[in-house]
Amino acid sequence: MYFLMKAALFFSRLIALYSFLIWIRIFISWVVPYPRPGSFTYYLGRIVDPYLGLFRSDRARIGVLDFSPIIAVGILAIFQSILQVYGSYGFLTFGYILAVVIQAIWSYGISVFLWISIISLIFSTIASFSHNPMMYNMANNMQAMPHLKEAVRRCFGARIVRESVVNIITLVITFLMNFVGKNIFIILSNLALRIPF
């Protein structure tokens, strides 16, 4: 039992290190998308890209944004948390595993999507006020919730509404979705922790 706990802690730390390398790879890939052979980024890519490649899919893309690395890190975070708890306490319950999965769905999925939507809407709102075409194009490329914007626009019926008004209303709705969603997931996670087995 003691050996299993130590092994779980070791693998938990190993996963934490691997996750850190993935984040480094993600940030470096924004600056150096095609590393030259023999460089640090090349070898880093050889270490983490096979794992990241398991999650690459067109379904994980929204516009120009690729969410697959976040999904990959989220799955590692679930395993790391489970191993950490087992390594520290020597036991694990289904309720705890479920709570960790619920937290990961919020932290590495829905929350990230909503914050990217909020940032996109802020850019879009600034662009609609400034009438800057470059900023407007950048905001349109980042758009994560076009359906919500269209739903807000449809609420006004046949009336012509300024783009800035639609953006502000959509931004407020997205902030509310983030606040309500966070609290719902906290409640669900706490309920899962109460499962006795």
Protein backbone atom coordinates (compact mmCIF):
# COMPACT_ATOMS: atom_id res chain seq x y z
CA MET A 1 0.00 0.00 0.00
CA TYR A 2 2.78 2.44 0.94
CA PHE A 3 4.63 1.60 -2.30
CA LEU A 4 1.45 2.27 -4.35
CA MET A 5 0.97 5.63 -2.64
CA LYS A 6 4.57 6.64 -3.38
CA ALA A 7 4.21 5.47 -6.99
CA ALA A 8 0.99 7.49 -7.35
CA LEU A 9 2.73 10.62 -6.04
CA PHE A 10 5.67 10.05 -8.39
CA PHE A 11 3.40 9.68 -11.42
CA SER A 12 1.37 12.70 -10.30
CA ARG A 13 4.55 14.81 -10.33
CA LEU A 14 5.57 13.32 -13.68
CA ILE A 15 2.20 14.29 -15.17
CA ALA A 16 2.55 17.81 -13.71
CA LEU A 17 5.97 18.15 -15.38
CA TYR A 18 4.61 16.82 -18.69
CA SER A 19 1.69 19.27 -18.51
CA PHE A 20 4.17 22.10 -17.91
CA LEU A 21 6.12 21.02 -21.02
CA ILE A 22 2.89 21.04 -23.02
CA TRP A 23 2.15 24.63 -21.94
CA ILE A 24 5.70 25.66 -22.89
CA ARG A 25 5.21 23.99 -26.29
CA ILE A 26 1.90 25.79 -26.82
CA PHE A 27 3.35 29.23 -26.01
CA ILE A 28 6.51 28.67 -28.06
CA SER A 29 4.45 27.45 -31.04
CA TRP A 30 2.80 30.89 -31.23
CA VAL A 31 6.25 32.43 -31.76
CA VAL A 32 8.03 29.59 -33.60
CA PRO A 33 5.35 27.50 -35.35
CA TYR A 34 7.90 25.45 -37.35
CA PRO A 35 10.97 24.69 -35.23
CA ARG A 36 14.18 23.82 -37.02
CA PRO A 37 15.58 20.32 -36.46
CA GLY A 38 18.04 20.10 -33.58
CA SER A 39 16.61 23.06 -31.66
CA PHE A 40 15.09 22.95 -28.17
CA THR A 41 11.59 23.49 -29.56
CA TYR A 42 12.12 20.63 -32.02
CA TYR A 43 12.92 18.14 -29.24
CA LEU A 44 10.17 19.56 -27.05
CA GLY A 45 7.76 18.94 -29.91
CA ARG A 46 9.02 15.37 -30.25
CA ILE A 47 8.18 14.82 -26.58
CA VAL A 48 4.70 16.38 -26.40
CA ASP A 49 3.34 16.38 -29.98
CA PRO A 50 2.49 12.65 -30.08
CA TYR A 51 0.19 13.14 -27.09
CA LEU A 52 -1.27 16.40 -28.42
CA GLY A 53 -1.83 14.71 -31.79
CA LEU A 54 -4.33 12.33 -30.17
CA PHE A 55 -6.68 15.27 -29.58
CA ARG A 56 -6.25 17.26 -32.81
CA SER A 57 -9.53 17.46 -34.67
CA ASP A 58 -11.57 19.95 -36.66
CA ARG A 59 -14.29 19.59 -34.01
CA ALA A 60 -11.91 21.08 -31.42
CA ARG A 61 -11.47 24.24 -33.53
CA ILE A 62 -13.61 27.35 -33.32
CA GLY A 63 -12.60 29.82 -35.98
CA VAL A 64 -8.82 30.19 -35.81
CA LEU A 65 -8.68 28.89 -32.22
CA ASP A 66 -7.63 25.29 -31.53
CA PHE A 67 -8.95 23.97 -28.20
CA SER A 68 -7.37 20.50 -28.52
CA PRO A 69 -4.28 21.32 -26.36
CA ILE A 70 -6.54 22.56 -23.56
CA ILE A 71 -8.57 19.33 -23.73
CA ALA A 72 -5.32 17.32 -23.66
CA VAL A 73 -4.03 19.20 -20.59
CA GLY A 74 -7.45 18.90 -18.92
CA ILE A 75 -7.37 15.11 -19.20
CA LEU A 76 -3.87 15.06 -17.73
CA ALA A 77 -5.09 17.29 -14.88
CA ILE A 78 -7.82 14.76 -14.05
CA PHE A 79 -5.31 11.92 -13.79
CA GLN A 80 -2.87 14.07 -11.84
CA SER A 81 -5.52 15.03 -9.26
CA ILE A 82 -6.65 11.43 -8.85
CA LEU A 83 -3.08 10.17 -8.38
CA GLN A 84 -2.27 13.05 -6.01
CA VAL A 85 -5.20 12.24 -3.73
CA TYR A 86 -4.50 8.52 -3.75
CA GLY A 87 -0.80 9.17 -3.09
CA SER A 88 -1.59 11.48 -0.19
CA TYR A 89 -4.43 9.62 1.54
CA GLY A 90 -4.19 6.03 0.32
CA PHE A 91 -7.79 5.76 -0.81
CA LEU A 92 -10.05 7.07 -3.52
CA THR A 93 -13.83 7.28 -3.88
CA PHE A 94 -16.05 7.36 -6.95
CA GLY A 95 -17.46 10.65 -5.65
CA TYR A 96 -14.01 12.25 -5.63
CA ILE A 97 -13.26 11.02 -9.17
CA LEU A 98 -16.61 12.38 -10.36
CA ALA A 99 -15.95 15.73 -8.63
CA VAL A 100 -12.53 15.99 -10.32
CA VAL A 101 -14.08 15.24 -13.73
CA ILE A 102 -16.81 17.86 -13.15
CA GLN A 103 -14.20 20.47 -12.13
CA ALA A 104 -12.07 19.65 -15.18
CA ILE A 105 -15.05 20.00 -17.55
CA TRP A 106 -15.61 23.48 -16.14
CA SER A 107 -11.94 24.57 -15.81
CA TYR A 108 -10.56 23.17 -19.06
CA GLY A 109 -13.68 23.27 -21.19
CA ILE A 110 -16.64 25.51 -20.62
CA SER A 111 -14.82 28.22 -18.64
CA VAL A 112 -12.05 28.56 -21.22
CA PHE A 113 -14.61 28.73 -24.04
CA LEU A 114 -16.64 31.41 -22.22
CA TRP A 115 -13.55 33.54 -21.43
CA ILE A 116 -12.38 33.37 -25.03
CA SER A 117 -15.91 34.41 -26.04
CA ILE A 118 -15.78 37.32 -23.59
CA ILE A 119 -12.39 38.49 -24.93
CA SER A 120 -13.68 38.14 -28.50
CA LEU A 121 -16.80 40.15 -27.66
CA ILE A 122 -14.73 42.87 -25.99
CA PHE A 123 -12.61 43.17 -29.15
CA SER A 124 -15.74 43.14 -31.30
CA THR A 125 -17.38 45.85 -29.16
CA ILE A 126 -14.29 48.08 -29.30
CA ALA A 127 -14.11 47.51 -33.07
CA SER A 128 -17.77 48.45 -33.51
CA PHE A 129 -17.19 51.73 -31.67
CA SER A 130 -13.87 52.57 -33.33
CA HIS A 131 -14.80 51.49 -36.87
CA ASN A 132 -11.27 50.14 -37.26
CA PRO A 133 -11.39 47.51 -40.06
CA MET A 134 -8.24 45.69 -38.88
CA MET A 135 -9.58 45.29 -35.34
CA TYR A 136 -13.01 44.29 -36.71
CA ASN A 137 -11.44 41.52 -38.85
CA MET A 138 -9.42 40.27 -35.89
CA ALA A 139 -12.56 40.19 -33.71
CA ASN A 140 -14.48 38.28 -36.40
CA ASN A 141 -11.69 35.69 -36.68
CA MET A 142 -11.80 35.12 -32.90
CA GLN A 143 -15.59 34.89 -32.72
CA ALA A 144 -16.51 31.95 -30.50
CA MET A 145 -20.26 32.45 -30.02
CA PRO A 146 -21.76 33.69 -33.30
CA HIS A 147 -25.04 31.85 -32.64
CA LEU A 148 -25.63 33.74 -29.39
CA LYS A 149 -25.02 37.04 -31.18
CA GLU A 150 -27.51 36.08 -33.87
CA ALA A 151 -30.08 35.08 -31.22
CA VAL A 152 -29.68 38.50 -29.57
CA ARG A 153 -30.05 40.18 -32.96
CA ARG A 154 -33.25 38.19 -33.66
CA CYS A 155 -34.76 39.39 -30.36
CA PHE A 156 -35.00 42.86 -31.88
CA GLY A 157 -37.13 41.56 -34.76
CA ALA A 158 -37.11 43.67 -37.91
CA ARG A 159 -35.63 46.73 -36.20
CA ILE A 160 -32.15 47.76 -37.25
CA VAL A 161 -29.84 47.57 -34.26
CA ARG A 162 -26.27 48.81 -34.01
CA GLU A 163 -23.55 46.19 -33.87
CA SER A 164 -22.20 47.74 -30.67
CA VAL A 165 -25.56 47.26 -28.90
CA VAL A 166 -25.74 43.59 -29.96
CA ASN A 167 -22.14 43.08 -28.80
CA ILE A 168 -22.74 44.67 -25.39
CA ILE A 169 -25.91 42.64 -24.75
CA THR A 170 -24.14 39.43 -25.85
CA LEU A 171 -21.18 40.30 -23.62
CA VAL A 172 -23.46 40.79 -20.58
CA ILE A 173 -25.22 37.47 -21.30
CA THR A 174 -21.86 35.70 -21.62
CA PHE A 175 -20.66 37.15 -18.29
CA LEU A 176 -23.88 35.93 -16.67
CA MET A 177 -23.44 32.48 -18.25
CA ASN A 178 -19.91 32.36 -16.82
CA PHE A 179 -21.06 33.36 -13.33
CA VAL A 180 -24.07 31.01 -13.25
CA GLY A 181 -22.12 28.15 -14.85
CA LYS A 182 -19.30 28.43 -12.33
CA ASN A 183 -21.73 28.23 -9.42
CA ILE A 184 -23.63 25.31 -10.95
CA PHE A 185 -20.40 23.37 -11.41
CA ILE A 186 -19.31 24.14 -7.82
CA ILE A 187 -22.65 22.77 -6.56
CA LEU A 188 -22.36 19.66 -8.77
CA SER A 189 -18.79 19.07 -7.61
CA ASN A 190 -19.79 19.39 -3.93
CA LEU A 191 -22.70 17.00 -4.47
CA ALA A 192 -20.34 14.49 -6.10
CA LEU A 193 -17.99 14.67 -3.11
CA ARG A 194 -20.88 13.59 -0.86
CA ILE A 195 -21.24 10.28 -2.68
CA PRO A 196 -20.18 7.81 0.03
CA PHE A 197 -18.47 5.20 -2.16
